[in-house]
Amino acid sequence: PKRIIIARHGESKGNISSSAYVTTPDWLIPLSATGFAQSRQLGSRLKNLISDEQCYFYTSPYLRTKQTLATVLKTLPSQQILGIREEPRLTEQQFGNFQNVQSINSAKNERIKYGRFYYRFPEGESGLDVYNRCSSFVNTLYRDFEDSDVIREADSNVLVMTHGLTMRLLIMRFFHYNVADFERSENSRNCGIVVL
């Protein structure tokens, strides 16, 4: 493809308040009103970037990423949309099940001391676990480029709709950054993009 575009979802209700995770599973946290507005802006930026070129989309199955992508897709005519694939390996880092605010804040403070890449959340994942998912996804992406007449077109684009940490780990994998580079990195703003 001409470009691989990695995008973070719009602002979610969980980005506003971590108390959202107490009663709602992470994968069902929706966008906020601001998140929908950011998603519309992302759609305009994507349209300006790819012009009349076609694009294939991979998305995390989380509600906030699907809502972001659905909003982005409204800015493109159907002939520009080559396909959409829901990809579970693009999900957010698993922080555990329903989250107790005090426990998760304590774990996040401990993670700062231990290191974000290797720290494993109780009942959840480490950054390394997410990196391994990202590596597996990148291998699939390359196979899709080889095997699919749709994505292989030189003037087509691929957009990967994901989450902040997952986005950083995908970039780490694509560019072979080391753990120290990851530790110094920060999440993109909501609806931020990286164009490869």
N, C-alpha and C. Protein backbone atom coordinates (compact mmCIF):
# COMPACT_ATOMS: atom_id res chain seq x y z
N PRO A 1 0.82 -1.21 0.00
CA PRO A 1 0.00 0.00 0.00
C PRO A 1 0.86 1.26 0.00
N LYS A 2 0.26 2.34 -0.36
CA LYS A 2 0.95 3.62 -0.39
C LYS A 2 1.27 4.11 1.03
N ARG A 3 0.31 3.95 1.94
CA ARG A 3 0.47 4.41 3.32
C ARG A 3 -0.16 3.41 4.28
N ILE A 4 0.45 3.30 5.46
CA ILE A 4 -0.19 2.65 6.61
C ILE A 4 -0.42 3.78 7.60
N ILE A 5 -1.66 3.97 7.99
CA ILE A 5 -2.03 5.04 8.91
C ILE A 5 -2.52 4.38 10.20
N ILE A 6 -1.89 4.72 11.31
CA ILE A 6 -2.31 4.18 12.61
C ILE A 6 -3.00 5.31 13.35
N ALA A 7 -4.22 5.05 13.82
CA ALA A 7 -5.02 6.09 14.48
C ALA A 7 -5.50 5.62 15.85
N ARG A 8 -5.57 6.57 16.77
CA ARG A 8 -6.15 6.32 18.08
C ARG A 8 -7.61 6.77 18.06
N HIS A 9 -8.45 6.08 18.80
CA HIS A 9 -9.87 6.41 18.90
C HIS A 9 -10.09 7.80 19.49
N GLY A 10 -11.30 8.31 19.33
CA GLY A 10 -11.68 9.59 19.93
C GLY A 10 -11.81 9.47 21.44
N GLU A 11 -11.94 10.63 22.08
CA GLU A 11 -12.09 10.65 23.54
C GLU A 11 -13.27 9.79 23.96
N SER A 12 -13.02 8.92 24.95
CA SER A 12 -14.08 8.05 25.45
C SER A 12 -14.51 8.52 26.84
N LYS A 13 -15.61 7.97 27.30
CA LYS A 13 -16.06 8.31 28.66
C LYS A 13 -15.05 7.82 29.69
N GLY A 14 -14.28 6.79 29.35
CA GLY A 14 -13.22 6.33 30.24
C GLY A 14 -12.03 7.27 30.27
N ASN A 15 -11.79 8.00 29.19
CA ASN A 15 -10.73 9.02 29.19
C ASN A 15 -11.11 10.19 30.09
N ILE A 16 -12.40 10.44 30.23
CA ILE A 16 -12.88 11.54 31.07
C ILE A 16 -12.82 11.16 32.55
N SER A 17 -13.27 9.94 32.86
CA SER A 17 -13.31 9.50 34.25
C SER A 17 -13.08 8.00 34.34
N SER A 18 -12.08 7.61 35.14
CA SER A 18 -11.79 6.18 35.29
C SER A 18 -12.91 5.45 36.01
N SER A 19 -13.84 6.18 36.63
CA SER A 19 -14.96 5.52 37.29
C SER A 19 -15.88 4.81 36.28
N ALA A 20 -15.76 5.16 35.00
CA ALA A 20 -16.57 4.48 33.97
C ALA A 20 -16.28 2.98 33.94
N TYR A 21 -15.05 2.60 34.29
CA TYR A 21 -14.64 1.20 34.21
C TYR A 21 -15.15 0.36 35.38
N VAL A 22 -15.73 1.02 36.40
CA VAL A 22 -16.19 0.30 37.58
C VAL A 22 -17.41 -0.56 37.25
N THR A 23 -18.29 -0.04 36.40
CA THR A 23 -19.54 -0.76 36.10
C THR A 23 -19.68 -1.16 34.64
N THR A 24 -18.80 -0.63 33.77
CA THR A 24 -18.89 -0.93 32.34
C THR A 24 -17.62 -1.65 31.90
N PRO A 25 -17.74 -2.79 31.22
CA PRO A 25 -16.54 -3.45 30.71
C PRO A 25 -15.77 -2.52 29.77
N ASP A 26 -14.47 -2.60 29.81
CA ASP A 26 -13.61 -1.73 29.00
C ASP A 26 -14.03 -1.72 27.54
N TRP A 27 -14.36 -2.89 27.01
CA TRP A 27 -14.66 -2.99 25.58
C TRP A 27 -16.00 -2.36 25.21
N LEU A 28 -16.81 -1.98 26.22
CA LEU A 28 -18.10 -1.35 25.97
C LEU A 28 -18.13 0.14 26.34
N ILE A 29 -16.98 0.71 26.65
CA ILE A 29 -16.90 2.14 26.97
C ILE A 29 -17.10 2.94 25.67
N PRO A 30 -18.11 3.82 25.62
CA PRO A 30 -18.38 4.57 24.39
C PRO A 30 -17.58 5.87 24.29
N LEU A 31 -17.66 6.47 23.13
CA LEU A 31 -17.10 7.81 22.93
C LEU A 31 -17.91 8.84 23.71
N SER A 32 -17.24 9.92 24.06
CA SER A 32 -17.92 11.09 24.61
C SER A 32 -18.39 11.96 23.44
N ALA A 33 -19.12 13.01 23.72
CA ALA A 33 -19.52 13.96 22.67
C ALA A 33 -18.28 14.55 22.00
N THR A 34 -17.27 14.87 22.80
CA THR A 34 -16.01 15.39 22.25
C THR A 34 -15.37 14.35 21.35
N GLY A 35 -15.44 13.07 21.76
CA GLY A 35 -14.87 11.99 20.96
C GLY A 35 -15.51 11.88 19.58
N PHE A 36 -16.82 12.08 19.52
CA PHE A 36 -17.49 12.06 18.21
C PHE A 36 -17.04 13.24 17.36
N ALA A 37 -16.88 14.41 17.98
CA ALA A 37 -16.41 15.60 17.23
C ALA A 37 -14.99 15.36 16.73
N GLN A 38 -14.13 14.78 17.58
CA GLN A 38 -12.76 14.47 17.15
C GLN A 38 -12.77 13.48 15.99
N SER A 39 -13.68 12.52 16.04
CA SER A 39 -13.77 11.51 14.98
C SER A 39 -14.18 12.13 13.65
N ARG A 40 -15.08 13.09 13.70
CA ARG A 40 -15.45 13.80 12.46
C ARG A 40 -14.25 14.57 11.90
N GLN A 41 -13.48 15.19 12.79
CA GLN A 41 -12.27 15.90 12.35
C GLN A 41 -11.25 14.93 11.77
N LEU A 42 -11.12 13.76 12.39
CA LEU A 42 -10.22 12.74 11.86
C LEU A 42 -10.66 12.32 10.46
N GLY A 43 -11.95 12.16 10.26
CA GLY A 43 -12.46 11.82 8.93
C GLY A 43 -12.07 12.86 7.90
N SER A 44 -12.17 14.12 8.25
CA SER A 44 -11.76 15.20 7.32
C SER A 44 -10.27 15.15 7.05
N ARG A 45 -9.47 14.91 8.10
CA ARG A 45 -8.01 14.82 7.90
C ARG A 45 -7.66 13.64 7.00
N LEU A 46 -8.34 12.50 7.22
CA LEU A 46 -8.08 11.33 6.39
C LEU A 46 -8.44 11.62 4.94
N LYS A 47 -9.59 12.23 4.72
CA LYS A 47 -10.02 12.55 3.35
C LYS A 47 -9.00 13.47 2.68
N ASN A 48 -8.49 14.46 3.40
CA ASN A 48 -7.46 15.35 2.84
C ASN A 48 -6.17 14.60 2.55
N LEU A 49 -5.83 13.65 3.40
CA LEU A 49 -4.59 12.89 3.24
C LEU A 49 -4.65 11.95 2.04
N ILE A 50 -5.74 11.20 1.93
CA ILE A 50 -5.79 10.17 0.87
C ILE A 50 -6.49 10.66 -0.40
N SER A 51 -7.14 11.80 -0.33
CA SER A 51 -7.82 12.39 -1.49
C SER A 51 -8.83 11.39 -2.06
N ASP A 52 -8.63 10.95 -3.30
CA ASP A 52 -9.56 10.01 -3.93
C ASP A 52 -9.06 8.57 -3.88
N GLU A 53 -7.95 8.33 -3.17
CA GLU A 53 -7.39 6.98 -3.09
C GLU A 53 -8.28 6.10 -2.21
N GLN A 54 -8.13 4.79 -2.40
CA GLN A 54 -8.92 3.84 -1.62
C GLN A 54 -8.19 3.48 -0.33
N CYS A 55 -8.96 2.94 0.61
CA CYS A 55 -8.39 2.60 1.92
C CYS A 55 -9.05 1.33 2.45
N TYR A 56 -8.24 0.47 3.06
CA TYR A 56 -8.71 -0.72 3.75
C TYR A 56 -8.56 -0.43 5.24
N PHE A 57 -9.52 -0.90 6.05
CA PHE A 57 -9.55 -0.55 7.47
C PHE A 57 -9.48 -1.79 8.36
N TYR A 58 -8.61 -1.73 9.37
CA TYR A 58 -8.57 -2.71 10.45
C TYR A 58 -8.98 -1.96 11.71
N THR A 59 -9.80 -2.58 12.56
CA THR A 59 -10.20 -1.90 13.78
C THR A 59 -10.25 -2.84 14.97
N SER A 60 -9.91 -2.32 16.12
CA SER A 60 -10.16 -3.00 17.38
C SER A 60 -11.67 -3.20 17.51
N PRO A 61 -12.11 -4.30 18.12
CA PRO A 61 -13.54 -4.52 18.29
C PRO A 61 -14.17 -3.73 19.44
N TYR A 62 -13.39 -2.92 20.14
CA TYR A 62 -13.95 -2.13 21.25
C TYR A 62 -14.94 -1.11 20.70
N LEU A 63 -15.96 -0.80 21.48
CA LEU A 63 -17.01 0.12 21.05
C LEU A 63 -16.44 1.48 20.63
N ARG A 64 -15.51 2.03 21.41
CA ARG A 64 -15.00 3.37 21.10
C ARG A 64 -14.23 3.42 19.78
N THR A 65 -13.51 2.35 19.45
CA THR A 65 -12.80 2.34 18.16
C THR A 65 -13.78 2.14 17.01
N LYS A 66 -14.78 1.30 17.23
CA LYS A 66 -15.78 1.09 16.18
C LYS A 66 -16.61 2.35 15.95
N GLN A 67 -16.93 3.07 17.02
CA GLN A 67 -17.67 4.33 16.87
C GLN A 67 -16.81 5.37 16.15
N THR A 68 -15.53 5.43 16.48
CA THR A 68 -14.63 6.36 15.80
C THR A 68 -14.57 6.03 14.32
N LEU A 69 -14.35 4.76 14.00
CA LEU A 69 -14.24 4.36 12.60
C LEU A 69 -15.55 4.62 11.85
N ALA A 70 -16.68 4.29 12.45
CA ALA A 70 -17.97 4.52 11.77
C ALA A 70 -18.15 6.00 11.45
N THR A 71 -17.71 6.87 12.34
CA THR A 71 -17.81 8.31 12.10
C THR A 71 -16.85 8.74 10.99
N VAL A 72 -15.64 8.20 11.00
CA VAL A 72 -14.66 8.50 9.94
C VAL A 72 -15.19 8.06 8.58
N LEU A 73 -15.78 6.87 8.53
CA LEU A 73 -16.25 6.32 7.25
C LEU A 73 -17.34 7.16 6.61
N LYS A 74 -18.07 7.92 7.40
CA LYS A 74 -19.12 8.79 6.86
C LYS A 74 -18.55 9.89 5.98
N THR A 75 -17.25 10.16 6.09
CA THR A 75 -16.62 11.22 5.29
C THR A 75 -16.13 10.70 3.94
N LEU A 76 -16.18 9.38 3.74
CA LEU A 76 -15.65 8.79 2.51
C LEU A 76 -16.77 8.20 1.66
N PRO A 77 -16.71 8.37 0.35
CA PRO A 77 -17.67 7.67 -0.51
C PRO A 77 -17.38 6.17 -0.48
N SER A 78 -18.41 5.37 -0.66
CA SER A 78 -18.27 3.92 -0.52
C SER A 78 -17.22 3.33 -1.45
N GLN A 79 -16.99 3.92 -2.63
CA GLN A 79 -16.00 3.35 -3.55
C GLN A 79 -14.56 3.51 -3.03
N GLN A 80 -14.36 4.35 -2.02
CA GLN A 80 -13.02 4.48 -1.45
C GLN A 80 -12.76 3.46 -0.35
N ILE A 81 -13.80 2.81 0.13
CA ILE A 81 -13.68 1.86 1.24
C ILE A 81 -13.49 0.46 0.66
N LEU A 82 -12.25 -0.04 0.74
CA LEU A 82 -11.94 -1.36 0.19
C LEU A 82 -12.47 -2.49 1.05
N GLY A 83 -12.52 -2.28 2.35
CA GLY A 83 -12.99 -3.31 3.27
C GLY A 83 -12.70 -2.90 4.69
N ILE A 84 -13.34 -3.62 5.62
CA ILE A 84 -13.18 -3.36 7.04
C ILE A 84 -13.03 -4.70 7.73
N ARG A 85 -12.03 -4.81 8.58
CA ARG A 85 -11.84 -6.05 9.34
C ARG A 85 -11.70 -5.72 10.82
N GLU A 86 -12.53 -6.38 11.63
CA GLU A 86 -12.41 -6.27 13.07
C GLU A 86 -11.27 -7.18 13.51
N GLU A 87 -10.34 -6.65 14.28
CA GLU A 87 -9.13 -7.39 14.63
C GLU A 87 -8.90 -7.36 16.15
N PRO A 88 -9.20 -8.48 16.85
CA PRO A 88 -9.06 -8.51 18.31
C PRO A 88 -7.65 -8.22 18.83
N ARG A 89 -6.63 -8.46 18.02
CA ARG A 89 -5.27 -8.20 18.49
C ARG A 89 -4.98 -6.71 18.63
N LEU A 90 -5.87 -5.86 18.12
CA LEU A 90 -5.69 -4.41 18.22
C LEU A 90 -6.34 -3.80 19.46
N THR A 91 -6.84 -4.64 20.37
CA THR A 91 -7.52 -4.11 21.55
C THR A 91 -6.56 -3.41 22.50
N GLU A 92 -7.16 -2.69 23.44
CA GLU A 92 -6.41 -2.01 24.48
C GLU A 92 -5.74 -3.03 25.39
N GLN A 93 -4.70 -2.61 26.09
CA GLN A 93 -4.10 -3.45 27.11
C GLN A 93 -5.18 -3.84 28.11
N GLN A 94 -5.18 -5.10 28.51
CA GLN A 94 -6.17 -5.58 29.48
C GLN A 94 -5.70 -5.20 30.88
N PHE A 95 -6.50 -4.39 31.57
CA PHE A 95 -6.15 -3.93 32.92
C PHE A 95 -6.84 -4.76 34.00
N GLY A 96 -7.56 -5.79 33.63
CA GLY A 96 -8.34 -6.58 34.57
C GLY A 96 -9.80 -6.47 34.19
N ASN A 97 -10.66 -7.06 34.96
CA ASN A 97 -12.07 -7.05 34.63
C ASN A 97 -12.70 -5.74 35.12
N PHE A 98 -13.84 -5.78 35.79
CA PHE A 98 -14.38 -4.53 36.34
C PHE A 98 -13.33 -3.96 37.28
N GLN A 99 -13.05 -2.69 37.15
CA GLN A 99 -11.89 -2.12 37.83
C GLN A 99 -12.29 -1.30 39.05
N ASN A 100 -11.68 -1.60 40.17
CA ASN A 100 -11.80 -0.80 41.37
C ASN A 100 -10.87 0.39 41.20
N VAL A 101 -11.39 1.60 41.32
CA VAL A 101 -10.61 2.80 41.03
C VAL A 101 -9.35 2.87 41.89
N GLN A 102 -9.47 2.59 43.19
CA GLN A 102 -8.30 2.67 44.07
C GLN A 102 -7.26 1.61 43.69
N SER A 103 -7.72 0.40 43.40
CA SER A 103 -6.78 -0.67 43.04
C SER A 103 -6.06 -0.38 41.74
N ILE A 104 -6.78 0.12 40.74
CA ILE A 104 -6.15 0.38 39.44
C ILE A 104 -5.19 1.56 39.55
N ASN A 105 -5.55 2.58 40.34
CA ASN A 105 -4.63 3.71 40.54
C ASN A 105 -3.37 3.26 41.26
N SER A 106 -3.52 2.39 42.25
CA SER A 106 -2.36 1.84 42.95
C SER A 106 -1.48 1.04 41.99
N ALA A 107 -2.11 0.22 41.14
CA ALA A 107 -1.36 -0.57 40.16
C ALA A 107 -0.64 0.33 39.16
N LYS A 108 -1.29 1.42 38.73
CA LYS A 108 -0.64 2.34 37.78
C LYS A 108 0.55 3.04 38.42
N ASN A 109 0.45 3.37 39.70
CA ASN A 109 1.60 3.96 40.41
C ASN A 109 2.74 2.96 40.53
N GLU A 110 2.40 1.71 40.82
CA GLU A 110 3.42 0.65 40.89
C GLU A 110 4.06 0.44 39.52
N ARG A 111 3.27 0.53 38.46
CA ARG A 111 3.78 0.36 37.10
C ARG A 111 4.82 1.42 36.76
N ILE A 112 4.60 2.64 37.23
CA ILE A 112 5.56 3.73 36.98
C ILE A 112 6.92 3.35 37.56
N LYS A 113 6.92 2.78 38.76
CA LYS A 113 8.18 2.38 39.41
C LYS A 113 8.81 1.17 38.72
N TYR A 114 7.98 0.23 38.29
CA TYR A 114 8.47 -1.03 37.73
C TYR A 114 8.88 -0.89 36.27
N GLY A 115 8.14 -0.08 35.54
CA GLY A 115 8.35 0.06 34.09
C GLY A 115 7.09 -0.35 33.36
N ARG A 116 6.65 0.49 32.43
CA ARG A 116 5.37 0.26 31.76
C ARG A 116 5.40 -0.94 30.82
N PHE A 117 6.55 -1.28 30.30
CA PHE A 117 6.60 -2.37 29.32
C PHE A 117 6.42 -3.74 29.97
N TYR A 118 7.07 -3.95 31.12
CA TYR A 118 7.06 -5.28 31.73
C TYR A 118 6.03 -5.46 32.83
N TYR A 119 5.49 -4.37 33.35
CA TYR A 119 4.54 -4.49 34.47
C TYR A 119 3.25 -5.15 34.01
N ARG A 120 2.85 -6.19 34.74
CA ARG A 120 1.60 -6.90 34.43
C ARG A 120 0.54 -6.49 35.45
N PHE A 121 -0.59 -6.01 34.95
CA PHE A 121 -1.69 -5.66 35.83
C PHE A 121 -2.31 -6.93 36.40
N PRO A 122 -2.74 -6.90 37.68
CA PRO A 122 -3.44 -8.06 38.24
C PRO A 122 -4.65 -8.39 37.36
N GLU A 123 -4.78 -9.64 36.99
CA GLU A 123 -5.85 -10.11 36.10
C GLU A 123 -5.79 -9.47 34.72
N GLY A 124 -4.64 -8.90 34.34
CA GLY A 124 -4.53 -8.21 33.07
C GLY A 124 -3.25 -8.55 32.33
N GLU A 125 -2.81 -7.62 31.50
CA GLU A 125 -1.66 -7.83 30.63
C GLU A 125 -0.52 -6.86 30.95
N SER A 126 0.65 -7.23 30.50
CA SER A 126 1.80 -6.32 30.50
C SER A 126 1.89 -5.68 29.11
N GLY A 127 2.71 -4.63 29.02
CA GLY A 127 3.00 -4.05 27.71
C GLY A 127 3.61 -5.09 26.79
N LEU A 128 4.44 -5.97 27.34
CA LEU A 128 5.05 -7.03 26.54
C LEU A 128 3.99 -7.93 25.91
N ASP A 129 2.95 -8.25 26.68
CA ASP A 129 1.86 -9.07 26.12
C ASP A 129 1.22 -8.38 24.92
N VAL A 130 0.99 -7.08 25.06
CA VAL A 130 0.37 -6.32 23.96
C VAL A 130 1.33 -6.24 22.78
N TYR A 131 2.62 -6.08 23.07
CA TYR A 131 3.63 -6.06 22.00
C TYR A 131 3.59 -7.37 21.21
N ASN A 132 3.46 -8.48 21.90
CA ASN A 132 3.39 -9.77 21.21
C ASN A 132 2.15 -9.86 20.32
N ARG A 133 1.02 -9.33 20.80
CA ARG A 133 -0.18 -9.29 19.96
C ARG A 133 0.07 -8.41 18.73
N CYS A 134 0.72 -7.27 18.96
CA CYS A 134 1.00 -6.35 17.85
C CYS A 134 1.93 -7.00 16.83
N SER A 135 2.93 -7.72 17.30
CA SER A 135 3.85 -8.40 16.38
C SER A 135 3.12 -9.42 15.53
N SER A 136 2.24 -10.17 16.15
CA SER A 136 1.44 -11.14 15.41
C SER A 136 0.55 -10.44 14.38
N PHE A 137 -0.04 -9.30 14.76
CA PHE A 137 -0.88 -8.55 13.82
C PHE A 137 -0.05 -8.02 12.65
N VAL A 138 1.13 -7.48 12.92
CA VAL A 138 1.98 -6.95 11.84
C VAL A 138 2.32 -8.06 10.86
N ASN A 139 2.62 -9.26 11.37
CA ASN A 139 2.89 -10.39 10.47
C ASN A 139 1.68 -10.69 9.60
N THR A 140 0.49 -10.65 10.17
CA THR A 140 -0.74 -10.86 9.40
C THR A 140 -0.92 -9.76 8.36
N LEU A 141 -0.63 -8.54 8.75
CA LEU A 141 -0.75 -7.40 7.84
C LEU A 141 0.13 -7.62 6.61
N TYR A 142 1.38 -8.01 6.84
CA TYR A 142 2.28 -8.26 5.71
C TYR A 142 1.78 -9.40 4.83
N ARG A 143 1.24 -10.45 5.46
CA ARG A 143 0.67 -11.55 4.67
C ARG A 143 -0.52 -11.06 3.85
N ASP A 144 -1.34 -10.21 4.45
CA ASP A 144 -2.48 -9.65 3.71
C ASP A 144 -2.00 -8.83 2.52
N PHE A 145 -0.91 -8.10 2.69
CA PHE A 145 -0.36 -7.31 1.57
C PHE A 145 0.09 -8.23 0.44
N GLU A 146 0.64 -9.38 0.79
CA GLU A 146 1.13 -10.33 -0.21
C GLU A 146 -0.01 -11.09 -0.89
N ASP A 147 -1.01 -11.47 -0.10
CA ASP A 147 -2.04 -12.38 -0.58
C ASP A 147 -3.28 -11.71 -1.15
N SER A 148 -3.50 -10.46 -0.81
CA SER A 148 -4.75 -9.81 -1.19
C SER A 148 -4.55 -8.85 -2.34
N ASP A 149 -5.28 -9.07 -3.40
CA ASP A 149 -5.24 -8.13 -4.53
C ASP A 149 -5.79 -6.77 -4.12
N VAL A 150 -6.66 -6.76 -3.14
CA VAL A 150 -7.29 -5.51 -2.71
C VAL A 150 -6.28 -4.59 -2.03
N ILE A 151 -5.56 -5.11 -1.04
CA ILE A 151 -4.65 -4.28 -0.25
C ILE A 151 -3.32 -4.08 -0.96
N ARG A 152 -2.97 -4.94 -1.87
CA ARG A 152 -1.66 -4.89 -2.52
C ARG A 152 -1.51 -3.71 -3.47
N GLU A 153 -2.61 -3.12 -3.89
CA GLU A 153 -2.55 -2.01 -4.85
C GLU A 153 -1.62 -0.92 -4.34
N ALA A 154 -0.73 -0.46 -5.19
CA ALA A 154 0.29 0.52 -4.79
C ALA A 154 -0.31 1.85 -4.36
N ASP A 155 -1.46 2.20 -4.89
CA ASP A 155 -2.03 3.50 -4.55
C ASP A 155 -3.15 3.41 -3.51
N SER A 156 -3.27 2.26 -2.84
CA SER A 156 -4.27 2.14 -1.78
C SER A 156 -3.63 2.44 -0.43
N ASN A 157 -4.44 2.61 0.57
CA ASN A 157 -3.99 2.92 1.92
C ASN A 157 -4.57 1.91 2.89
N VAL A 158 -3.95 1.82 4.06
CA VAL A 158 -4.46 0.99 5.14
C VAL A 158 -4.55 1.88 6.38
N LEU A 159 -5.70 1.85 7.06
CA LEU A 159 -5.84 2.55 8.32
C LEU A 159 -6.08 1.52 9.42
N VAL A 160 -5.32 1.63 10.50
CA VAL A 160 -5.44 0.75 11.66
C VAL A 160 -6.00 1.60 12.80
N MET A 161 -7.23 1.30 13.22
CA MET A 161 -7.90 2.05 14.30
C MET A 161 -7.71 1.30 15.61
N THR A 162 -7.02 1.94 16.55
CA THR A 162 -6.67 1.23 17.77
C THR A 162 -6.69 2.16 18.98
N HIS A 163 -5.88 1.83 19.97
CA HIS A 163 -5.85 2.50 21.27
C HIS A 163 -4.46 3.08 21.51
N GLY A 164 -4.35 3.95 22.50
CA GLY A 164 -3.11 4.67 22.75
C GLY A 164 -1.89 3.79 22.94
N LEU A 165 -1.93 2.89 23.91
CA LEU A 165 -0.78 2.03 24.18
C LEU A 165 -0.53 1.08 23.02
N THR A 166 -1.57 0.53 22.46
CA THR A 166 -1.42 -0.40 21.33
C THR A 166 -0.80 0.32 20.14
N MET A 167 -1.19 1.56 19.93
CA MET A 167 -0.60 2.37 18.85
C MET A 167 0.91 2.52 19.06
N ARG A 168 1.31 2.83 20.29
CA ARG A 168 2.74 2.98 20.59
C ARG A 168 3.50 1.68 20.37
N LEU A 169 2.87 0.57 20.74
CA LEU A 169 3.55 -0.72 20.58
C LEU A 169 3.59 -1.16 19.12
N LEU A 170 2.60 -0.80 18.34
CA LEU A 170 2.67 -1.06 16.89
C LEU A 170 3.84 -0.28 16.28
N ILE A 171 3.98 0.97 16.67
CA ILE A 171 5.09 1.79 16.17
C ILE A 171 6.42 1.20 16.61
N MET A 172 6.49 0.75 17.87
CA MET A 172 7.70 0.10 18.37
C MET A 172 8.05 -1.10 17.50
N ARG A 173 7.04 -1.88 17.15
CA ARG A 173 7.27 -3.08 16.33
C ARG A 173 7.68 -2.73 14.90
N PHE A 174 6.99 -1.78 14.28
CA PHE A 174 7.32 -1.40 12.91
C PHE A 174 8.74 -0.85 12.79
N PHE A 175 9.15 -0.03 13.76
CA PHE A 175 10.45 0.64 13.68
C PHE A 175 11.54 -0.03 14.51
N HIS A 176 11.21 -1.16 15.14
CA HIS A 176 12.18 -1.92 15.94
C HIS A 176 12.78 -1.07 17.06
N TYR A 177 11.93 -0.25 17.69
CA TYR A 177 12.38 0.53 18.85
C TYR A 177 12.66 -0.42 20.00
N ASN A 178 13.52 0.01 20.92
CA ASN A 178 13.81 -0.82 22.08
C ASN A 178 12.91 -0.43 23.25
N VAL A 179 13.03 -1.17 24.34
CA VAL A 179 12.17 -0.96 25.51
C VAL A 179 12.38 0.44 26.09
N ALA A 180 13.62 0.91 26.12
CA ALA A 180 13.89 2.25 26.65
C ALA A 180 13.17 3.32 25.82
N ASP A 181 13.14 3.13 24.50
CA ASP A 181 12.41 4.07 23.63
C ASP A 181 10.92 4.06 23.99
N PHE A 182 10.38 2.86 24.19
CA PHE A 182 8.97 2.75 24.57
C PHE A 182 8.71 3.45 25.90
N GLU A 183 9.57 3.23 26.88
CA GLU A 183 9.37 3.82 28.20
C GLU A 183 9.34 5.35 28.14
N ARG A 184 10.05 5.93 27.19
CA ARG A 184 10.07 7.39 27.04
C ARG A 184 8.88 7.92 26.23
N SER A 185 8.17 7.04 25.56
CA SER A 185 7.08 7.48 24.69
C SER A 185 5.80 7.74 25.49
N GLU A 186 4.92 8.51 24.90
CA GLU A 186 3.62 8.83 25.49
C GLU A 186 2.53 8.53 24.48
N ASN A 187 1.32 8.34 24.97
CA ASN A 187 0.20 8.10 24.07
C ASN A 187 -0.06 9.32 23.19
N SER A 188 -0.49 9.06 21.99
CA SER A 188 -0.97 10.10 21.09
C SER A 188 -2.23 10.72 21.70
N ARG A 189 -2.55 11.92 21.30
CA ARG A 189 -3.83 12.50 21.71
C ARG A 189 -4.95 11.68 21.06
N ASN A 190 -6.16 11.84 21.55
CA ASN A 190 -7.30 11.13 20.95
C ASN A 190 -7.46 11.57 19.50
N CYS A 191 -7.66 10.59 18.63
CA CYS A 191 -7.77 10.76 17.17
C CYS A 191 -6.47 11.24 16.54
N GLY A 192 -5.36 11.06 17.25
CA GLY A 192 -4.06 11.33 16.66
C GLY A 192 -3.72 10.22 15.67
N ILE A 193 -2.89 10.56 14.68
CA ILE A 193 -2.49 9.56 13.69
C ILE A 193 -0.98 9.57 13.52
N VAL A 194 -0.47 8.44 13.08
CA VAL A 194 0.91 8.30 12.63
C VAL A 194 0.82 7.70 11.23
N VAL A 195 1.49 8.32 10.28
CA VAL A 195 1.48 7.85 8.90
C VAL A 195 2.82 7.21 8.60
N LEU A 196 2.80 5.94 8.21
CA LEU A 196 4.04 5.22 7.88
C LEU A 196 4.20 5.22 6.37
